[in-house]
């Protein structure tokens, strides 16, 4: 590293430390969602809070104002030009299930629905979860049976497209937490400036939304860094430094896998595991080089496989899409062992991705999503992989118990 690069990093570090102290003094990072570890729960955190704020009969006691602000920020063409909404006759519900015309359950549970008398707005909310098979197509079927005007919103952190298997051929509007929800919450806070309990509750959720979208750096901190990079040839130096970022991230992920492998050297499983599913140094670096996730550039998930005392169960630690996952691979033709049954009420969910049930593998994949580490905004989560305790200790304890 050159002297210029060292100096630039030192100055940027000084800015960071100064603002870290300011955030500590003001309590900026104190957040109940973070403390209770529910900041990424789609249903019980995000959908529940958004639906409650949108509900004119919600406990906030502010009537339709939050709903009106929401509809204005979303700016849906059909609403703006064709439909007059009756805010005195509206219902907001979350997690409502629908049956097909023959009474069979279609497994269509819609995250949030705003039901005006002449118009329904259906919202599919995604934080980290993958699309369900035919998910938006099922919602379209539900909407077309209503006999009234409707729109479908696909809400994600960054305004991403739905997968083809979920939304192919379906007309929907892409909205984002990073733009639309943050803008809406900021307007809501202004409206309740003199209602302190409601104001502070929304502020907590706004700060959480900024955090999960990578927008939680304060404006003043950003301004100070911009001024630093604007001086002399600091920007050129920063660009040179940035070229090494993905390699550094890849090294951290690789070291994480290597440490788990070293601590379980006698139990590593490789039989019939395709090479592309095993981690490697270059593979870890390449994973971070992806500019976005699509069918064209998607790097398949990879990781480490560890044997347990039960021959029908493996423990798997995996980097996939943007997240770290770990959990159990159980032979498809095997009954769940007693060791696994005690975890049936835990966050280990059966998944249909990963192709573990194909070819010679023939496993069912029960995994826990440990959050995103791939994007720049996830650097704090990535750095935790280096720390003793936390996720590393959680995985090592699981391995020890099995």
Protein backbone atom coordinates (compact mmCIF):
# COMPACT_ATOMS: atom_id res chain seq x y z
CA UNK A 1 0.00 0.00 0.00
CA UNK A 2 1.37 3.44 -0.95
CA UNK A 3 1.92 6.34 1.44
CA UNK A 4 -0.98 8.24 -0.20
CA UNK A 5 -3.31 5.32 0.35
CA UNK A 6 -2.26 5.03 4.00
CA UNK A 7 -2.82 8.77 4.55
CA UNK A 8 -6.24 8.69 2.90
CA UNK A 9 -7.33 5.72 5.01
CA UNK A 10 -6.09 7.43 8.17
CA UNK A 11 -8.07 10.60 7.40
CA UNK A 12 -11.22 8.63 6.52
CA UNK A 13 -10.80 6.66 9.75
CA UNK A 14 -10.59 9.91 11.73
CA UNK A 15 -13.87 11.07 10.19
CA UNK A 16 -15.47 7.74 11.02
CA UNK A 17 -14.29 7.81 14.63
CA UNK A 18 -15.53 11.37 15.11
CA UNK A 19 -18.99 10.53 13.81
CA UNK A 20 -19.08 7.24 15.72
CA UNK A 21 -18.58 9.24 18.89
CA UNK A 22 -21.33 11.68 17.89
CA UNK A 23 -23.74 8.80 17.19
CA UNK A 24 -22.87 7.27 20.54
CA UNK A 25 -23.43 10.55 22.38
CA UNK A 26 -26.83 11.09 20.70
CA UNK A 27 -28.01 7.47 20.93
CA UNK A 28 -28.49 7.41 17.15
CA UNK A 29 -27.93 3.66 16.86
CA UNK A 30 -30.19 2.67 19.77
CA UNK A 31 -32.91 0.69 18.05
CA UNK A 32 -35.39 -1.72 19.61
CA UNK A 33 -35.65 -3.77 16.43
CA UNK A 34 -31.90 -4.37 16.43
CA UNK A 35 -31.81 -5.16 20.14
CA UNK A 36 -34.58 -7.76 19.86
CA UNK A 37 -33.06 -9.22 16.65
CA UNK A 38 -36.20 -8.84 14.56
CA UNK A 39 -34.94 -6.27 12.08
CA UNK A 40 -35.17 -8.55 9.02
CA UNK A 41 -38.44 -10.39 9.77
CA UNK A 42 -40.66 -9.73 6.76
CA UNK A 43 -44.01 -10.74 8.24
CA UNK A 44 -43.85 -9.93 11.95
CA UNK A 45 -41.77 -6.76 11.62
CA UNK A 46 -41.95 -5.03 8.24
CA UNK A 47 -45.33 -6.11 6.90
CA UNK A 48 -46.92 -5.76 10.34
CA UNK A 49 -45.61 -2.22 10.92
CA UNK A 50 -46.38 -0.95 7.43
CA UNK A 51 -49.89 -2.40 7.57
CA UNK A 52 -50.50 -0.88 10.99
CA UNK A 53 -49.40 2.58 9.84
CA UNK A 54 -51.56 2.31 6.71
CA UNK A 55 -54.61 1.23 8.68
CA UNK A 56 -56.86 4.27 9.36
CA UNK A 57 -58.11 2.41 12.45
CA UNK A 58 -54.57 1.65 13.64
CA UNK A 59 -53.37 2.25 17.18
CA UNK A 60 -51.47 5.34 16.02
CA UNK A 61 -54.78 7.24 16.16
CA UNK A 62 -53.98 9.43 13.16
CA UNK A 63 -56.77 8.30 10.85
CA UNK A 64 -56.09 8.18 7.12
CA UNK A 65 -53.13 10.59 6.97
CA UNK A 66 -50.41 7.90 6.73
CA UNK A 67 -52.41 6.04 4.07
CA UNK A 68 -52.90 9.21 2.02
CA UNK A 69 -49.18 9.98 2.19
CA UNK A 70 -48.39 6.41 1.14
CA UNK A 71 -50.63 6.55 -1.93
CA UNK A 72 -49.13 9.92 -2.91
CA UNK A 73 -45.54 8.67 -2.61
CA UNK A 74 -46.27 5.46 -4.53
CA UNK A 75 -47.72 7.51 -7.41
CA UNK A 76 -49.48 4.65 -9.19
CA UNK A 77 -50.63 5.72 -12.69
CA UNK A 78 -54.05 4.10 -12.40
CA UNK A 79 -54.76 5.88 -9.12
CA UNK A 80 -53.38 9.19 -10.34
CA UNK A 81 -55.43 9.30 -13.54
CA UNK A 82 -58.38 6.90 -13.45
CA UNK A 83 -59.64 6.27 -9.93
CA UNK A 84 -60.97 8.43 -7.13
CA UNK A 85 -60.21 6.75 -3.81
CA UNK A 86 -62.72 6.77 -0.98
CA UNK A 87 -60.59 7.12 2.16
CA UNK A 88 -63.69 6.94 4.36
CA UNK A 89 -64.40 3.40 3.17
CA UNK A 90 -61.13 1.49 3.26
CA UNK A 91 -59.74 -1.55 5.06
CA UNK A 92 -56.10 -2.60 5.44
CA UNK A 93 -55.25 -6.24 6.17
CA UNK A 94 -52.08 -8.30 6.30
CA UNK A 95 -51.34 -11.96 5.63
CA UNK A 96 -54.76 -12.73 4.15
CA UNK A 97 -55.20 -16.13 2.49
CA UNK A 98 -57.38 -16.78 -0.54
CA UNK A 99 -59.07 -19.88 -1.93
CA UNK A 100 -59.72 -20.75 -5.55
CA UNK A 101 -63.25 -20.65 -6.97
CA UNK A 102 -63.71 -24.35 -6.18
CA UNK A 103 -62.87 -23.69 -2.54
CA UNK A 104 -59.39 -25.20 -2.65
CA UNK A 105 -56.67 -23.24 -0.86
CA UNK A 106 -54.41 -21.66 -3.49
CA UNK A 107 -51.69 -20.98 -0.92
CA UNK A 108 -52.05 -17.31 -1.87
CA UNK A 109 -51.27 -15.44 1.32
CA UNK A 110 -50.81 -11.79 0.41
CA UNK A 111 -48.57 -9.69 2.67
CA UNK A 112 -50.61 -6.46 2.68
CA UNK A 113 -53.88 -5.52 0.98
CA UNK A 114 -55.40 -2.03 0.92
CA UNK A 115 -59.10 -2.53 0.18
CA UNK A 116 -60.87 0.55 -1.12
CA UNK A 117 -64.50 0.14 -2.14
CA UNK A 118 -63.65 0.37 -5.84
CA UNK A 119 -59.95 -0.57 -5.89
CA UNK A 120 -57.56 -3.00 -4.20
CA UNK A 121 -53.81 -2.57 -3.85
CA UNK A 122 -51.95 -5.85 -3.24
CA UNK A 123 -48.42 -5.63 -1.82
CA UNK A 124 -45.86 -8.43 -1.92
CA UNK A 125 -43.11 -7.56 0.57
CA UNK A 126 -39.58 -9.01 0.22
CA UNK A 127 -36.63 -8.37 2.53
CA UNK A 128 -34.36 -11.42 2.23
CA UNK A 129 -36.65 -14.29 1.24
CA UNK A 130 -36.74 -15.85 -2.23
CA UNK A 131 -39.86 -15.70 -4.40
CA UNK A 132 -42.28 -18.55 -4.01
CA UNK A 133 -43.15 -20.64 -7.06
CA UNK A 134 -45.76 -18.78 -9.18
CA UNK A 135 -46.19 -16.34 -6.28
CA UNK A 136 -47.16 -13.18 -8.18
CA UNK A 137 -49.05 -15.24 -10.74
CA UNK A 138 -51.26 -16.55 -7.94
CA UNK A 139 -51.84 -13.00 -6.70
CA UNK A 140 -52.84 -11.97 -10.21
CA UNK A 141 -55.40 -14.79 -10.26
CA UNK A 142 -56.80 -13.57 -6.95
CA UNK A 143 -56.95 -9.96 -8.16
CA UNK A 144 -58.67 -10.82 -11.41
CA UNK A 145 -61.45 -12.55 -9.47
CA UNK A 146 -62.30 -9.40 -7.49
CA UNK A 147 -64.45 -7.69 -10.11
CA UNK A 148 -62.83 -4.30 -9.43
CA UNK A 149 -59.74 -2.30 -10.33
CA UNK A 150 -56.45 -3.43 -8.76
CA UNK A 151 -52.70 -2.97 -8.76
CA UNK A 152 -49.90 -5.24 -7.57
CA UNK A 153 -46.80 -3.85 -5.86
CA UNK A 154 -43.56 -5.81 -5.56
CA UNK A 155 -41.74 -4.15 -2.65
CA UNK A 156 -38.05 -4.93 -2.09
CA UNK A 157 -35.08 -3.21 -0.47
CA UNK A 158 -33.78 -1.81 -3.77
CA UNK A 159 -36.74 -2.08 -6.15
CA UNK A 160 -35.65 -5.39 -7.70
CA UNK A 161 -37.48 -7.43 -10.32
CA UNK A 162 -39.43 -10.52 -9.32
CA UNK A 163 -38.08 -13.82 -10.61
CA UNK A 164 -39.52 -15.15 -13.86
CA UNK A 165 -40.98 -18.19 -12.09
CA UNK A 166 -42.90 -15.87 -9.77
CA UNK A 167 -43.84 -12.88 -11.90
CA UNK A 168 -43.34 -13.85 -15.53
CA UNK A 169 -46.22 -12.38 -17.55
CA UNK A 170 -47.62 -10.46 -14.56
CA UNK A 171 -47.95 -6.68 -14.60
CA UNK A 172 -46.67 -5.25 -11.32
CA UNK A 173 -45.06 -2.08 -10.00
CA UNK A 174 -41.58 -2.24 -8.48
CA UNK A 175 -41.14 -0.15 -5.34
CA UNK A 176 -38.28 0.03 -2.89
CA UNK A 177 -37.58 0.56 0.78
CA UNK A 178 -34.52 2.63 -0.13
CA UNK A 179 -36.58 5.24 -2.00
CA UNK A 180 -40.33 4.94 -1.49
CA UNK A 181 -40.66 3.62 2.07
CA UNK A 182 -37.96 5.93 3.47
CA UNK A 183 -39.56 8.94 1.75
CA UNK A 184 -43.00 7.95 3.08
CA UNK A 185 -41.78 7.46 6.65
CA UNK A 186 -40.03 10.84 6.61
CA UNK A 187 -43.34 12.48 5.63
CA UNK A 188 -45.18 10.54 8.33
CA UNK A 189 -42.76 11.82 10.99
CA UNK A 190 -43.41 15.43 9.92
CA UNK A 191 -47.15 14.88 10.32
CA UNK A 192 -46.80 13.65 13.91
CA UNK A 193 -44.11 16.06 15.10
CA UNK A 194 -46.31 16.92 18.09
CA UNK A 195 -47.33 13.32 18.83
CA UNK A 196 -44.13 12.14 20.54
CA UNK A 197 -44.85 8.43 21.09
CA UNK A 198 -45.98 7.85 17.50
CA UNK A 199 -43.19 10.08 16.13
CA UNK A 200 -40.43 8.23 17.99
CA UNK A 201 -41.85 4.81 17.05
CA UNK A 202 -41.84 5.73 13.36
CA UNK A 203 -38.34 7.22 13.72
CA UNK A 204 -37.09 3.90 15.12
CA UNK A 205 -38.55 2.09 12.13
CA UNK A 206 -37.17 4.70 9.71
CA UNK A 207 -33.68 4.19 11.12
CA UNK A 208 -34.10 0.43 10.74
CA UNK A 209 -35.18 0.89 7.12
CA UNK A 210 -32.16 3.05 6.46
CA UNK A 211 -29.94 0.40 8.01
CA UNK A 212 -31.19 -2.57 5.97
CA UNK A 213 -30.93 -0.53 2.75
CA UNK A 214 -27.45 0.80 3.48
CA UNK A 215 -28.63 4.39 3.94
CA UNK A 216 -27.94 4.75 7.65
CA UNK A 217 -24.79 6.83 7.27
CA UNK A 218 -25.67 10.33 8.45
CA UNK A 219 -25.76 13.16 5.93
CA UNK A 220 -22.99 15.01 7.78
CA UNK A 221 -20.70 11.94 7.73
CA UNK A 222 -21.27 11.55 3.98
CA UNK A 223 -20.59 15.26 3.44
CA UNK A 224 -17.30 15.09 5.33
CA UNK A 225 -16.14 12.07 3.31
CA UNK A 226 -17.09 13.76 0.04
CA UNK A 227 -15.03 16.81 1.01
CA UNK A 228 -12.05 14.57 1.80
CA UNK A 229 -12.26 12.75 -1.53
CA UNK A 230 -12.61 16.05 -3.42
CA UNK A 231 -9.24 17.31 -2.23
CA UNK A 232 -6.10 16.99 -4.38
CA UNK A 233 -5.99 13.56 -6.04
CA UNK A 234 -7.68 11.72 -3.16
CA UNK A 235 -10.45 10.47 -5.44
CA UNK A 236 -7.92 8.78 -7.71
CA UNK A 237 -6.27 7.18 -4.68
CA UNK A 238 -9.66 6.00 -3.39
CA UNK A 239 -10.44 4.38 -6.75
CA UNK A 240 -7.16 2.46 -6.59
CA UNK A 241 -8.03 1.30 -3.07
CA UNK A 242 -11.51 0.24 -4.15
CA UNK A 243 -10.05 -2.24 -6.63
CA UNK A 244 -8.88 -4.36 -3.70
CA UNK A 245 -12.15 -4.31 -1.76
CA UNK A 246 -13.72 -7.44 -3.27
CA UNK A 247 -10.51 -9.42 -2.79
CA UNK A 248 -10.42 -8.36 0.86
CA UNK A 249 -14.05 -9.35 1.34
CA UNK A 250 -13.38 -12.69 -0.32
CA UNK A 251 -10.44 -13.32 2.01
CA UNK A 252 -12.67 -12.77 5.05
CA UNK A 253 -15.27 -15.25 3.79
CA UNK A 254 -12.57 -17.78 2.84
CA UNK A 255 -10.93 -17.48 6.28
CA UNK A 256 -14.35 -18.07 7.88
CA UNK A 257 -14.80 -21.34 5.99
CA UNK A 258 -11.17 -22.35 6.60
CA UNK A 259 -11.50 -21.84 10.35
CA UNK A 260 -14.64 -24.00 10.51
CA UNK A 261 -12.91 -26.64 8.39
CA UNK A 262 -9.81 -26.65 10.58
CA UNK A 263 -11.85 -27.03 13.76
CA UNK A 264 -13.75 -29.98 12.24
CA UNK A 265 -11.01 -31.54 10.11
CA UNK A 266 -12.00 -35.13 10.96
CA UNK A 267 -15.64 -34.62 9.94
CA UNK A 268 -15.45 -32.91 6.55
CA UNK A 269 -17.79 -34.52 4.01
CA UNK A 270 -17.02 -34.50 0.26
CA UNK A 271 -18.56 -37.73 -1.07
CA UNK A 272 -20.66 -37.03 -4.20
CA UNK A 273 -20.53 -33.27 -3.55
CA UNK A 274 -20.04 -31.48 -6.91
CA UNK A 275 -16.98 -29.25 -7.06
CA UNK A 276 -19.09 -26.15 -7.72
CA UNK A 277 -20.76 -26.54 -4.31
CA UNK A 278 -17.44 -26.48 -2.41
CA UNK A 279 -15.88 -23.20 -1.29
CA UNK A 280 -12.50 -21.95 -2.53
CA UNK A 281 -10.43 -18.78 -2.29
CA UNK A 282 -11.06 -17.61 -5.85
CA UNK A 283 -14.72 -18.58 -5.62
CA UNK A 284 -15.16 -16.45 -2.48
CA UNK A 285 -13.60 -13.44 -4.23
CA UNK A 286 -15.66 -13.93 -7.38
CA UNK A 287 -18.84 -14.01 -5.31
CA UNK A 288 -18.20 -10.44 -4.15
CA UNK A 289 -17.37 -9.23 -7.67
CA UNK A 290 -20.94 -9.76 -8.87
CA UNK A 291 -22.61 -6.43 -9.61
CA UNK A 292 -26.08 -7.86 -9.19
CA UNK A 293 -27.91 -11.17 -9.05
CA UNK A 294 -29.47 -12.45 -12.26
CA UNK A 295 -29.78 -15.74 -14.08
CA UNK A 296 -26.93 -14.68 -16.35
CA UNK A 297 -24.33 -13.88 -13.69
CA UNK A 298 -25.53 -15.80 -10.65
CA UNK A 299 -22.76 -17.79 -8.95
CA UNK A 300 -24.23 -20.93 -7.43
CA UNK A 301 -24.13 -21.30 -3.67
CA UNK A 302 -21.03 -22.91 -2.21
CA UNK A 303 -19.69 -23.80 1.20
CA UNK A 304 -18.66 -26.51 3.64
CA UNK A 305 -20.24 -29.89 4.43
CA UNK A 306 -19.73 -31.54 7.83
CA UNK A 307 -20.66 -35.06 8.96
CA UNK A 308 -22.71 -35.68 12.09
CA UNK A 309 -23.17 -38.74 14.33
CA UNK A 310 -26.24 -39.59 12.28
CA UNK A 311 -25.25 -40.88 8.80
CA UNK A 312 -28.42 -39.42 7.27
CA UNK A 313 -27.67 -35.84 8.36
CA UNK A 314 -25.03 -33.35 7.27
CA UNK A 315 -24.48 -29.83 8.54
CA UNK A 316 -23.95 -27.35 5.71
CA UNK A 317 -22.62 -23.78 5.86
CA UNK A 318 -23.27 -21.90 2.63
CA UNK A 319 -22.83 -18.54 0.89
CA UNK A 320 -25.67 -18.06 -1.61
CA UNK A 321 -27.09 -15.08 -3.51
CA UNK A 322 -26.24 -12.42 -0.90
CA UNK A 323 -26.52 -14.26 2.37
CA UNK A 324 -24.85 -16.72 4.71
CA UNK A 325 -26.96 -19.77 5.52
CA UNK A 326 -26.38 -22.82 7.64
CA UNK A 327 -28.48 -25.80 8.55
CA UNK A 328 -29.15 -29.47 7.91
CA UNK A 329 -29.07 -31.67 4.84
CA UNK A 330 -31.18 -34.77 5.50
CA UNK A 331 -31.40 -37.70 3.13
CA UNK A 332 -34.70 -37.54 1.29
CA UNK A 333 -35.52 -41.20 1.88
CA UNK A 334 -34.73 -41.01 5.61
CA UNK A 335 -36.99 -40.23 8.55
CA UNK A 336 -35.89 -37.27 10.60
CA UNK A 337 -33.57 -38.50 13.34
CA UNK A 338 -34.30 -37.81 16.99
CA UNK A 339 -31.38 -35.40 17.00
CA UNK A 340 -33.08 -33.21 14.41
CA UNK A 341 -36.64 -33.39 15.72
CA UNK A 342 -35.85 -31.13 18.66
CA UNK A 343 -35.13 -28.34 16.15
CA UNK A 344 -38.46 -28.59 14.35
CA UNK A 345 -39.79 -25.37 15.93
CA UNK A 346 -36.57 -23.46 15.21
CA UNK A 347 -35.67 -21.13 12.33
CA UNK A 348 -34.44 -24.03 10.16
CA UNK A 349 -36.85 -23.94 7.22
CA UNK A 350 -37.26 -26.47 4.43
CA UNK A 351 -36.09 -24.87 1.17
CA UNK A 352 -36.53 -25.91 -2.45
CA UNK A 353 -33.42 -24.06 -3.68
CA UNK A 354 -29.85 -25.35 -3.82
CA UNK A 355 -30.58 -28.46 -5.95
CA UNK A 356 -29.68 -30.74 -3.05
CA UNK A 357 -32.52 -33.09 -3.95
CA UNK A 358 -31.23 -33.76 -7.46
CA UNK A 359 -28.76 -36.24 -8.90
CA UNK A 360 -26.75 -38.30 -6.45
CA UNK A 361 -27.13 -35.90 -3.52
CA UNK A 362 -30.77 -36.67 -2.65
CA UNK A 363 -30.97 -34.39 0.41
CA UNK A 364 -33.62 -32.10 1.85
CA UNK A 365 -32.19 -28.70 2.83
CA UNK A 366 -33.32 -27.16 6.14
CA UNK A 367 -31.53 -23.84 6.55
CA UNK A 368 -31.35 -20.71 8.62
CA UNK A 369 -30.77 -17.40 6.83
CA UNK A 370 -28.12 -15.46 8.79
CA UNK A 371 -28.38 -12.27 6.76
CA UNK A 372 -26.67 -10.53 3.90
CA UNK A 373 -22.89 -10.03 3.74
CA UNK A 374 -22.24 -9.41 0.03
CA UNK A 375 -23.13 -5.75 -0.49
CA UNK A 376 -21.07 -2.80 0.74
CA UNK A 377 -23.86 -1.89 3.14
CA UNK A 378 -23.44 -5.30 4.80
CA UNK A 379 -19.81 -4.77 5.79
CA UNK A 380 -20.58 -4.88 9.53
CA UNK A 381 -22.15 -8.33 9.11
CA UNK A 382 -19.18 -9.47 7.03
CA UNK A 383 -16.65 -8.30 9.60
CA UNK A 384 -18.49 -10.27 12.29
CA UNK A 385 -17.35 -13.45 10.53
CA UNK A 386 -13.87 -12.69 11.85
CA UNK A 387 -14.94 -12.32 15.44
CA UNK A 388 -14.96 -15.06 18.03
CA UNK A 389 -18.44 -15.77 19.28
CA UNK A 390 -21.51 -14.74 17.32
CA UNK A 391 -22.29 -16.74 14.18
CA UNK A 392 -19.02 -18.68 14.28
CA UNK A 393 -19.69 -19.88 17.83
CA UNK A 394 -23.33 -20.59 16.99
CA UNK A 395 -22.28 -22.92 14.16
CA UNK A 396 -19.50 -24.59 16.16
CA UNK A 397 -21.95 -25.27 19.02
CA UNK A 398 -24.42 -26.85 16.59
CA UNK A 399 -21.68 -29.07 15.16
CA UNK A 400 -20.57 -30.10 18.64
CA UNK A 401 -24.13 -31.05 19.62
CA UNK A 402 -24.48 -33.28 16.56
